[in-house]
Amino acid sequence: MLAAAKYIGAGIACSGLIGAGVGIGLIFSSLIGATARNPQVTGQVFTYAILGFALAAINIAES
């Protein structure tokens, strides 16, 4: 019984990572969309995407 409660608690504690995962997916889907619309700004948009990924990863590390 105690082991089951530990697993349930660990699952609930990790549920906050769902939002960060969705955020990272949105960042890179927007990168693909922006690159498809205007290939000339790929470098600048990629820089912003990596910055957004880093900020989302910080959120994951703090969880």
PDB file of N, CA and C in Angstrom:
ATOM      1  N   MET A   1       0.824  -1.189   0.000  1.00  0.00           N
ATOM      2  CA  MET A   1       0.000   0.000   0.000  1.00  0.00           C
ATOM      3  C   MET A   1       0.870   1.255   0.000  1.00  0.00           C
ATOM      4  N   LEU A   2       1.936   1.236   0.809  1.00  0.00           N
ATOM      5  CA  LEU A   2       2.818   2.389   0.889  1.00  0.00           C
ATOM      6  C   LEU A   2       3.559   2.615  -0.428  1.00  0.00           C
ATOM      7  N   ALA A   3       3.955   1.533  -1.082  1.00  0.00           N
ATOM      8  CA  ALA A   3       4.650   1.658  -2.364  1.00  0.00           C
ATOM      9  C   ALA A   3       3.732   2.265  -3.415  1.00  0.00           C
ATOM     10  N   ALA A   4       2.475   1.875  -3.413  1.00  0.00           N
ATOM     11  CA  ALA A   4       1.523   2.436  -4.370  1.00  0.00           C
ATOM     12  C   ALA A   4       1.340   3.926  -4.134  1.00  0.00           C
ATOM     13  N   ALA A   5       1.291   4.339  -2.882  1.00  0.00           N
ATOM     14  CA  ALA A   5       1.145   5.761  -2.570  1.00  0.00           C
ATOM     15  C   ALA A   5       2.366   6.547  -3.029  1.00  0.00           C
ATOM     16  N   LYS A   6       3.549   5.944  -2.929  1.00  0.00           N
ATOM     17  CA  LYS A   6       4.766   6.609  -3.400  1.00  0.00           C
ATOM     18  C   LYS A   6       4.721   6.821  -4.910  1.00  0.00           C
ATOM     19  N   TYR A   7       4.262   5.809  -5.634  1.00  0.00           N
ATOM     20  CA  TYR A   7       4.179   5.928  -7.086  1.00  0.00           C
ATOM     21  C   TYR A   7       3.136   6.957  -7.504  1.00  0.00           C
ATOM     22  N   ILE A   8       2.033   6.990  -6.817  1.00  0.00           N
ATOM     23  CA  ILE A   8       0.997   7.984  -7.121  1.00  0.00           C
ATOM     24  C   ILE A   8       1.528   9.386  -6.844  1.00  0.00           C
ATOM     25  N   GLY A   9       2.224   9.558  -5.733  1.00  0.00           N
ATOM     26  CA  GLY A   9       2.803  10.859  -5.407  1.00  0.00           C
ATOM     27  C   GLY A   9       3.843  11.298  -6.418  1.00  0.00           C
ATOM     28  N   ALA A  10       4.666  10.369  -6.877  1.00  0.00           N
ATOM     29  CA  ALA A  10       5.670  10.697  -7.889  1.00  0.00           C
ATOM     30  C   ALA A  10       5.010  11.093  -9.203  1.00  0.00           C
ATOM     31  N   GLY A  11       3.940  10.416  -9.569  1.00  0.00           N
ATOM     32  CA  GLY A  11       3.218  10.769 -10.793  1.00  0.00           C
ATOM     33  C   GLY A  11       2.591  12.137 -10.710  1.00  0.00           C
ATOM     34  N   ILE A  12       2.025  12.458  -9.569  1.00  0.00           N
ATOM     35  CA  ILE A  12       1.423  13.779  -9.391  1.00  0.00           C
ATOM     36  C   ILE A  12       2.501  14.857  -9.408  1.00  0.00           C
ATOM     37  N   ALA A  13       3.659  14.570  -8.803  1.00  0.00           N
ATOM     38  CA  ALA A  13       4.743  15.542  -8.780  1.00  0.00           C
ATOM     39  C   ALA A  13       5.280  15.814 -10.179  1.00  0.00           C
ATOM     40  N   CYS A  14       5.281  14.815 -11.040  1.00  0.00           N
ATOM     41  CA  CYS A  14       5.796  14.978 -12.399  1.00  0.00           C
ATOM     42  C   CYS A  14       4.763  15.539 -13.366  1.00  0.00           C
ATOM     43  N   SER A  15       3.536  15.692 -12.940  1.00  0.00           N
ATOM     44  CA  SER A  15       2.508  16.183 -13.858  1.00  0.00           C
ATOM     45  C   SER A  15       2.748  17.629 -14.262  1.00  0.00           C
ATOM     46  N   GLY A  16       3.535  18.375 -13.512  1.00  0.00           N
ATOM     47  CA  GLY A  16       3.863  19.742 -13.892  1.00  0.00           C
ATOM     48  C   GLY A  16       4.746  19.828 -15.122  1.00  0.00           C
ATOM     49  N   LEU A  17       5.387  18.738 -15.479  1.00  0.00           N
ATOM     50  CA  LEU A  17       6.253  18.723 -16.654  1.00  0.00           C
ATOM     51  C   LEU A  17       5.461  18.690 -17.958  1.00  0.00           C
ATOM     52  N   ILE A  18       4.184  18.400 -17.878  1.00  0.00           N
ATOM     53  CA  ILE A  18       3.350  18.330 -19.082  1.00  0.00           C
ATOM     54  C   ILE A  18       3.311  19.687 -19.780  1.00  0.00           C
ATOM     55  N   GLY A  19       3.134  20.738 -19.009  1.00  0.00           N
ATOM     56  CA  GLY A  19       3.061  22.081 -19.587  1.00  0.00           C
ATOM     57  C   GLY A  19       4.349  22.486 -20.275  1.00  0.00           C
ATOM     58  N   ALA A  20       5.476  22.139 -19.676  1.00  0.00           N
ATOM     59  CA  ALA A  20       6.759  22.468 -20.291  1.00  0.00           C
ATOM     60  C   ALA A  20       6.947  21.701 -21.600  1.00  0.00           C
ATOM     61  N   GLY A  21       6.528  20.455 -21.628  1.00  0.00           N
ATOM     62  CA  GLY A  21       6.630  19.671 -22.858  1.00  0.00           C
ATOM     63  C   GLY A  21       5.763  20.229 -23.972  1.00  0.00           C
ATOM     64  N   VAL A  22       4.573  20.653 -23.624  1.00  0.00           N
ATOM     65  CA  VAL A  22       3.681  21.267 -24.615  1.00  0.00           C
ATOM     66  C   VAL A  22       4.280  22.580 -25.108  1.00  0.00           C
ATOM     67  N   GLY A  23       4.860  23.351 -24.185  1.00  0.00           N
ATOM     68  CA  GLY A  23       5.478  24.620 -24.566  1.00  0.00           C
ATOM     69  C   GLY A  23       6.627  24.434 -25.538  1.00  0.00           C
ATOM     70  N   ILE A  24       7.459  23.441 -25.296  1.00  0.00           N
ATOM     71  CA  ILE A  24       8.579  23.177 -26.200  1.00  0.00           C
ATOM     72  C   ILE A  24       8.060  22.743 -27.570  1.00  0.00           C
ATOM     73  N   GLY A  25       7.014  21.945 -27.593  1.00  0.00           N
ATOM     74  CA  GLY A  25       6.416  21.549 -28.868  1.00  0.00           C
ATOM     75  C   GLY A  25       5.867  22.731 -29.641  1.00  0.00           C
ATOM     76  N   LEU A  26       5.240  23.662 -28.940  1.00  0.00           N
ATOM     77  CA  LEU A  26       4.714  24.856 -29.604  1.00  0.00           C
ATOM     78  C   LEU A  26       5.835  25.739 -30.143  1.00  0.00           C
ATOM     79  N   ILE A  27       6.926  25.842 -29.401  1.00  0.00           N
ATOM     80  CA  ILE A  27       8.058  26.651 -29.856  1.00  0.00           C
ATOM     81  C   ILE A  27       8.585  26.126 -31.184  1.00  0.00           C
ATOM     82  N   PHE A  28       8.822  24.826 -31.256  1.00  0.00           N
ATOM     83  CA  PHE A  28       9.420  24.281 -32.469  1.00  0.00           C
ATOM     84  C   PHE A  28       8.416  24.143 -33.611  1.00  0.00           C
ATOM     85  N   SER A  29       7.139  23.996 -33.311  1.00  0.00           N
ATOM     86  CA  SER A  29       6.161  24.004 -34.401  1.00  0.00           C
ATOM     87  C   SER A  29       6.058  25.399 -35.005  1.00  0.00           C
ATOM     88  N   SER A  30       6.186  26.425 -34.169  1.00  0.00           N
ATOM     89  CA  SER A  30       6.190  27.793 -34.687  1.00  0.00           C
ATOM     90  C   SER A  30       7.450  28.061 -35.501  1.00  0.00           C
ATOM     91  N   LEU A  31       8.567  27.480 -35.090  1.00  0.00           N
ATOM     92  CA  LEU A  31       9.810  27.618 -35.856  1.00  0.00           C
ATOM     93  C   LEU A  31       9.644  27.028 -37.251  1.00  0.00           C
ATOM     94  N   ILE A  32       9.049  25.866 -37.335  1.00  0.00           N
ATOM     95  CA  ILE A  32       8.843  25.228 -38.637  1.00  0.00           C
ATOM     96  C   ILE A  32       7.894  26.056 -39.494  1.00  0.00           C
ATOM     97  N   GLY A  33       6.822  26.572 -38.879  1.00  0.00           N
ATOM     98  CA  GLY A  33       5.875  27.392 -39.625  1.00  0.00           C
ATOM     99  C   GLY A  33       6.487  28.682 -40.134  1.00  0.00           C
ATOM    100  N   ALA A  34       7.288  29.335 -39.298  1.00  0.00           N
ATOM    101  CA  ALA A  34       7.923  30.588 -39.715  1.00  0.00           C
ATOM    102  C   ALA A  34       8.952  30.347 -40.808  1.00  0.00           C
ATOM    103  N   THR A  35       9.680  29.256 -40.709  1.00  0.00           N
ATOM    104  CA  THR A  35      10.673  28.933 -41.733  1.00  0.00           C
ATOM    105  C   THR A  35       9.994  28.590 -43.057  1.00  0.00           C
ATOM    106  N   ALA A  36       8.859  27.944 -42.995  1.00  0.00           N
ATOM    107  CA  ALA A  36       8.140  27.605 -44.225  1.00  0.00           C
ATOM    108  C   ALA A  36       7.587  28.852 -44.903  1.00  0.00           C
ATOM    109  N   ARG A  37       7.153  29.828 -44.107  1.00  0.00           N
ATOM    110  CA  ARG A  37       6.598  31.049 -44.691  1.00  0.00           C
ATOM    111  C   ARG A  37       7.673  31.958 -45.263  1.00  0.00           C
ATOM    112  N   ASN A  38       8.792  32.095 -44.546  1.00  0.00           N
ATOM    113  CA  ASN A  38       9.840  33.017 -44.970  1.00  0.00           C
ATOM    114  C   ASN A  38      11.205  32.390 -44.684  1.00  0.00           C
ATOM    115  N   PRO A  39      11.765  31.671 -45.632  1.00  0.00           N
ATOM    116  CA  PRO A  39      13.034  30.977 -45.396  1.00  0.00           C
ATOM    117  C   PRO A  39      14.220  31.908 -45.146  1.00  0.00           C
ATOM    118  N   GLN A  40      14.097  33.175 -45.497  1.00  0.00           N
ATOM    119  CA  GLN A  40      15.218  34.101 -45.332  1.00  0.00           C
ATOM    120  C   GLN A  40      15.503  34.437 -43.870  1.00  0.00           C
ATOM    121  N   VAL A  41      14.548  34.275 -42.992  1.00  0.00           N
ATOM    122  CA  VAL A  41      14.742  34.632 -41.584  1.00  0.00           C
ATOM    123  C   VAL A  41      14.999  33.404 -40.711  1.00  0.00           C
ATOM    124  N   THR A  42      15.444  32.331 -41.323  1.00  0.00           N
ATOM    125  CA  THR A  42      15.638  31.081 -40.589  1.00  0.00           C
ATOM    126  C   THR A  42      16.618  31.246 -39.433  1.00  0.00           C
ATOM    127  N   GLY A  43      17.739  31.912 -39.657  1.00  0.00           N
ATOM    128  CA  GLY A  43      18.745  32.066 -38.612  1.00  0.00           C
ATOM    129  C   GLY A  43      18.238  32.838 -37.413  1.00  0.00           C
ATOM    130  N   GLN A  44      17.547  33.944 -37.674  1.00  0.00           N
ATOM    131  CA  GLN A  44      17.035  34.765 -36.576  1.00  0.00           C
ATOM    132  C   GLN A  44      15.939  34.027 -35.809  1.00  0.00           C
ATOM    133  N   VAL A  45      15.044  33.381 -36.512  1.00  0.00           N
ATOM    134  CA  VAL A  45      13.956  32.661 -35.853  1.00  0.00           C
ATOM    135  C   VAL A  45      14.504  31.464 -35.074  1.00  0.00           C
ATOM    136  N   PHE A  46      15.539  30.814 -35.621  1.00  0.00           N
ATOM    137  CA  PHE A  46      16.141  29.685 -34.917  1.00  0.00           C
ATOM    138  C   PHE A  46      16.769  30.139 -33.600  1.00  0.00           C
ATOM    139  N   THR A  47      17.391  31.322 -33.609  1.00  0.00           N
ATOM    140  CA  THR A  47      17.970  31.863 -32.374  1.00  0.00           C
ATOM    141  C   THR A  47      16.893  32.075 -31.326  1.00  0.00           C
ATOM    142  N   TYR A  48      15.766  32.634 -31.729  1.00  0.00           N
ATOM    143  CA  TYR A  48      14.661  32.845 -30.791  1.00  0.00           C
ATOM    144  C   TYR A  48      14.092  31.519 -30.293  1.00  0.00           C
ATOM    145  N   ALA A  49      14.046  30.528 -31.173  1.00  0.00           N
ATOM    146  CA  ALA A  49      13.519  29.219 -30.772  1.00  0.00           C
ATOM    147  C   ALA A  49      14.428  28.558 -29.738  1.00  0.00           C
ATOM    148  N   ILE A  50      15.731  28.663 -29.932  1.00  0.00           N
ATOM    149  CA  ILE A  50      16.661  28.085 -28.961  1.00  0.00           C
ATOM    150  C   ILE A  50      16.557  28.818 -27.631  1.00  0.00           C
ATOM    151  N   LEU A  51      16.380  30.130 -27.663  1.00  0.00           N
ATOM    152  CA  LEU A  51      16.191  30.894 -26.430  1.00  0.00           C
ATOM    153  C   LEU A  51      14.914  30.449 -25.717  1.00  0.00           C
ATOM    154  N   GLY A  52      13.841  30.277 -26.461  1.00  0.00           N
ATOM    155  CA  GLY A  52      12.591  29.795 -25.870  1.00  0.00           C
ATOM    156  C   GLY A  52      12.728  28.396 -25.303  1.00  0.00           C
ATOM    157  N   PHE A  53      13.463  27.540 -26.018  1.00  0.00           N
ATOM    158  CA  PHE A  53      13.703  26.183 -25.516  1.00  0.00           C
ATOM    159  C   PHE A  53      14.485  26.224 -24.211  1.00  0.00           C
ATOM    160  N   ALA A  54      15.493  27.093 -24.140  1.00  0.00           N
ATOM    161  CA  ALA A  54      16.298  27.192 -22.918  1.00  0.00           C
ATOM    162  C   ALA A  54      15.448  27.663 -21.741  1.00  0.00           C
ATOM    163  N   LEU A  55      14.574  28.616 -21.983  1.00  0.00           N
ATOM    164  CA  LEU A  55      13.712  29.099 -20.902  1.00  0.00           C
ATOM    165  C   LEU A  55      12.735  28.016 -20.449  1.00  0.00           C
ATOM    166  N   ALA A  56      12.230  27.242 -21.389  1.00  0.00           N
ATOM    167  CA  ALA A  56      11.337  26.141 -21.015  1.00  0.00           C
ATOM    168  C   ALA A  56      12.106  25.050 -20.275  1.00  0.00           C
ATOM    169  N   ALA A  57      13.352  24.813 -20.665  1.00  0.00           N
ATOM    170  CA  ALA A  57      14.162  23.802 -19.982  1.00  0.00           C
ATOM    171  C   ALA A  57      14.488  24.237 -18.555  1.00  0.00           C
ATOM    172  N   ILE A  58      14.667  25.536 -18.350  1.00  0.00           N
ATOM    173  CA  ILE A  58      14.878  26.033 -16.989  1.00  0.00           C
ATOM    174  C   ILE A  58      13.642  25.748 -16.147  1.00  0.00           C
ATOM    175  N   ASN A  59      12.478  25.907 -16.749  1.00  0.00           N
ATOM    176  CA  ASN A  59      11.232  25.610 -16.047  1.00  0.00           C
ATOM    177  C   ASN A  59      11.172  24.131 -15.665  1.00  0.00           C
ATOM    178  N   ILE A  60      11.643  23.267 -16.538  1.00  0.00           N
ATOM    179  CA  ILE A  60      11.655  21.835 -16.245  1.00  0.00           C
ATOM    180  C   ILE A  60      12.629  21.542 -15.105  1.00  0.00           C
ATOM    181  N   ALA A  61      13.799  22.185 -15.138  1.00  0.00           N
ATOM    182  CA  ALA A  61      14.815  21.923 -14.115  1.00  0.00           C
ATOM    183  C   ALA A  61      14.363  22.390 -12.735  1.00  0.00           C
ATOM    184  N   GLU A  62      13.556  23.439 -12.689  1.00  0.00           N
ATOM    185  CA  GLU A  62      13.096  23.954 -11.404  1.00  0.00           C
ATOM    186  C   GLU A  62      11.959  23.127 -10.827  1.00  0.00           C
ATOM    187  N   SER A  63      11.311  22.329 -11.651  1.00  0.00           N
ATOM    188  CA  SER A  63      10.171  21.536 -11.170  1.00  0.00           C
ATOM    189  C   SER A  63      10.602  20.430 -10.252  1.00  0.00           C
TER     190      SER A  63
END
